[in-house]
Amino acid sequence: MKRSGTLRLLSDLSAFGGAARLRELLAGDSAVRVRGSPDGRHLLLLRPPGAVAPQLLVASRGPGAELERAWPAGQPSPLDAFFLPWPARPALVLVWESGLAEVWGAGVGPGWRLLQSTELCPGGGARVVAVAALRGRLVWCEERQARAEGPSGSPAAAFSHCVCVRTLEPSGEASTSLGRTHVLLHHCPAFGLLASCRQLFLVPTATTWPGVAHVLLIWSPGKGKVMVVAPRLGLSYSKSLNPGRGDTWDFRTLLRGLPGLLSPREPLAVHTWAPTPQGLLLLDFGGTVSLVQSHGGTRAVGTLQEAPVGPWGSAALGTFQGTLACVLGSTLELLDMGSGQLLERKVLSTDRVHLLEPPAPGMEDEEELETRGNLRLLSALGLFCVGWEAPQGVELPSTKDLVFEEACGYYQRRSLRGAQLTPEELRHSSTFRAPQALASILQGHLPPSALLTMLRTELRDYRGLEQLKAQLVAGDDEEAGWTELAEQEVARLLRTELIGDQLAQLNTVFQALPTAAWGATLRALQLQLDGNGKLRSQAPPDVWKKVLGGITAGKEPPNGILPPFELLCQCLCQLEPRWLPPFVELAQQQGGPGWGAGGPGLPLYRRALAVLGEEGTRPEALELELLLSSGRPKAVLQAVGQLVQKEQWDRALDAGLALGPSSPLLRSEIFKLLLAEFAQHRRLDAHLPLLCRLCPPELAPAELLLLLRTYLPDEVGPPTPFPEPGAEPPLTVGLLKALLEQTGAQGWLSGPVLSPYEDILWDPSTPPPTPPRDL
């Protein structure tokens, strides 16, 4: 039965203090900024600077006075306001463009009171253009006009901003503790700041310099690093940025040190940004929603049925339970985050809706536990939550049904195989679907047996996995929890026979959490880099046998499910493309007969190339590395042929020289391929010493001359002493002498002269004297 999305009314706003004023602000101004407190009991509404009658309203649900302030025309109003995640008491901070910051708190006494006032830019001459609050830190982007050089619109003026951070923590009942100011970025353009629960996103604005308006930054204080991302270029780089260690970056120096980021590119055309625990959502003007993940990767989430109406049309984005919610005007669309499929579309009774994050885990009221994890919608009509309604009439299977299903599955496997199953084999396959129920039934009816002993380890892993799933379902969206879940699932699946449902589940884990899945595979295969940059593995052969196992000849994977090796190659292409060629090279060394490497199936390098796409659409650099590192003669010759077409002579010669004594025929073929190019044009002359080293030692001078005669271009006319202007210079005896010396170095001292002209080329003495001329 298909699930349906429901809108549930949580409050008609009458329980909030100042409900009439709250409804008036929500209905009258669509540009008002709305934020909810971490405990869900307070709502903050702030009209932006420049609005008519700037107004701040903090409404509280239940006991407690509201905070309302107004600034008359001509008096500066706050640039932004945030709730602070202080569990002891509600608190908020107001920040002005001038750098003034006020911290307000609601303590034991009635009403709100000012706790502290400070200047973020004490030196003067600065203007705050954006501000955000991130887990006890206040981060702002300020324009230092006094230091700007050049007229307005010049590069110097465009990079006159800096991004600063300052810790902000409660201290006692009526004060706050402010840390010292630390500059994260110097000489940067104007950035907008957006904060999620773990990351700070620095996004370009309409005033950002066009040359860098396609770049955004993701700062993760917990990891002490910053990701520099260019979504349209598909590039991302990680750099250390830990204020505790004194890290700071000059923005221009940072970008100049990262290749490819300064390529000419149009600025990001983004209508709406929205931070989420999964990353940064962006909605373009065509209605496409993309997700910039915390590791720097960008993927398309889906396309809305309606696109934003102009740059000023209202739009709001949010996520809940693996679902994307987008409000465009009076339309609410729900899309699946994994597939991008439209799940439901609703028409709302108002076109002014704001999305609020759910309360922090552990801070909800008892009546809100049923709506934990759901997204909240606020309008003048009330506070709603959007979630999925469980289908009616669905009954969970009983314990006996689960055990019966388990027994049927194993009985069917046993009857098809015609072999008796043992407890050790059941444990090794790790395919129990109801270990806890099976153990409880056996415990009451059977004496302690080998099967029960084997089940104890299975039960421990099963219960730990169930506890982890329960924490995540309860709303704990910490990345570490999802990573641990994916690692446990991949480790368990790699112990099973990867066919059918197990292989499909492995594909699902890699698609949902590729970074965690690859980390688990890295540990399972015990991959390490040695001193020469080569991959090494200490994993037992049975693990590699499961990883390298291919599909049956003539059969395609069902429903796009990839075999394990192709799945790992696809994951490496997304996360670490530079690891793909050494991984394939290592896999070829580990493979055995019938494993998919060296067996009747396709070679591993061709299976990896298939993951990169059709021929002509693959990344050229990655394809070349795969061909060169494969060790297969046809693949290496194909790669050298591509290098010759691109006139990358050094790499082509190095590929031939890298072949060891075990590949003399392949090395000889590469030499003949390059010798043909040497005979036809002069672009290889600068690389003649390497070509001489590549020359096979057993090649005789006469054989070399015959080869050259075969490759020399046909003469279209009588020979001339000098080439025509613009024509390719011919091969000269001086260039040929170095090759003949290389081929005849062994045979000249002991063997006869093989050519009537060879003694002339080999005579090291001075030329004979010129005969006298008759006067």
Foldseek 3Di string as FASTA:
>chain_A
DAWDKDKFFPWQQPQKPPLVVVLCLQVPDLQWDWAAALLRFKIWTWDAPPDAFTKIWIIGGHDAHIDIDTDHPPDWDFHDKDWAPDVQWTKMWTATQQQKIWIWTDFDDGYIDTQDIDGRCVVGQKTWDEWDDAHQKIKTKIARVVPQDDDPPDLSNQQRIWMKMWGWADDPGRHIDIGDIATAEHRAGDWYWDYDHFKIKTAADPSHDFQQLQWIKIDGQVVQWMWIERAVVQDIDIDGTHVVVPDHYYVVVVVVVDPPNRDDDGHDQFLDWDQDLQAIWTAHQQQWIWGQGPLHGIDTQAGDPDGADPSPFDKAWDDFPQWIWMQGFQKIWIARRQPRHTSDIDGHPGRRKYKYDHRDPPSYDPVCQVVFRWIWIDGSSHIITMDIDDDPPDDDDDLVVLVVVQVVVVVVVCVVVVDDDDLVNVLQQLPRPCLPSVLVVCVVPDDDDPNNVSSVVVVVLVVVLVVLVVVVVSPPSDPVSLLVNLLSLLVSLLSHQCDDPSLVVLLVSCSVPVVSNVVSVCVQQVWDQDPVRAIDGPHDLSSLLQQQAADPPPDDDPPPRHRNVLSNLLSCVSNPLVVNQRVLLVSLVSDDENSNRPYPHDHSLVSSVVSQDDPPNGDPVSQLSNLLSSPDLVSLVVSLVVCVVVPVVVVLLVSLVPDDPVPLVSLQVSLLVVLLVVQDAPSCLVVLVSSLVSHDQQDALVNVVVSSVVSHDDDPDDDDPADDPPDGGGDDLVSVLSNNCSRCVPQPVPHDDPDPCVCVSPDPDDDDDDDDDDD
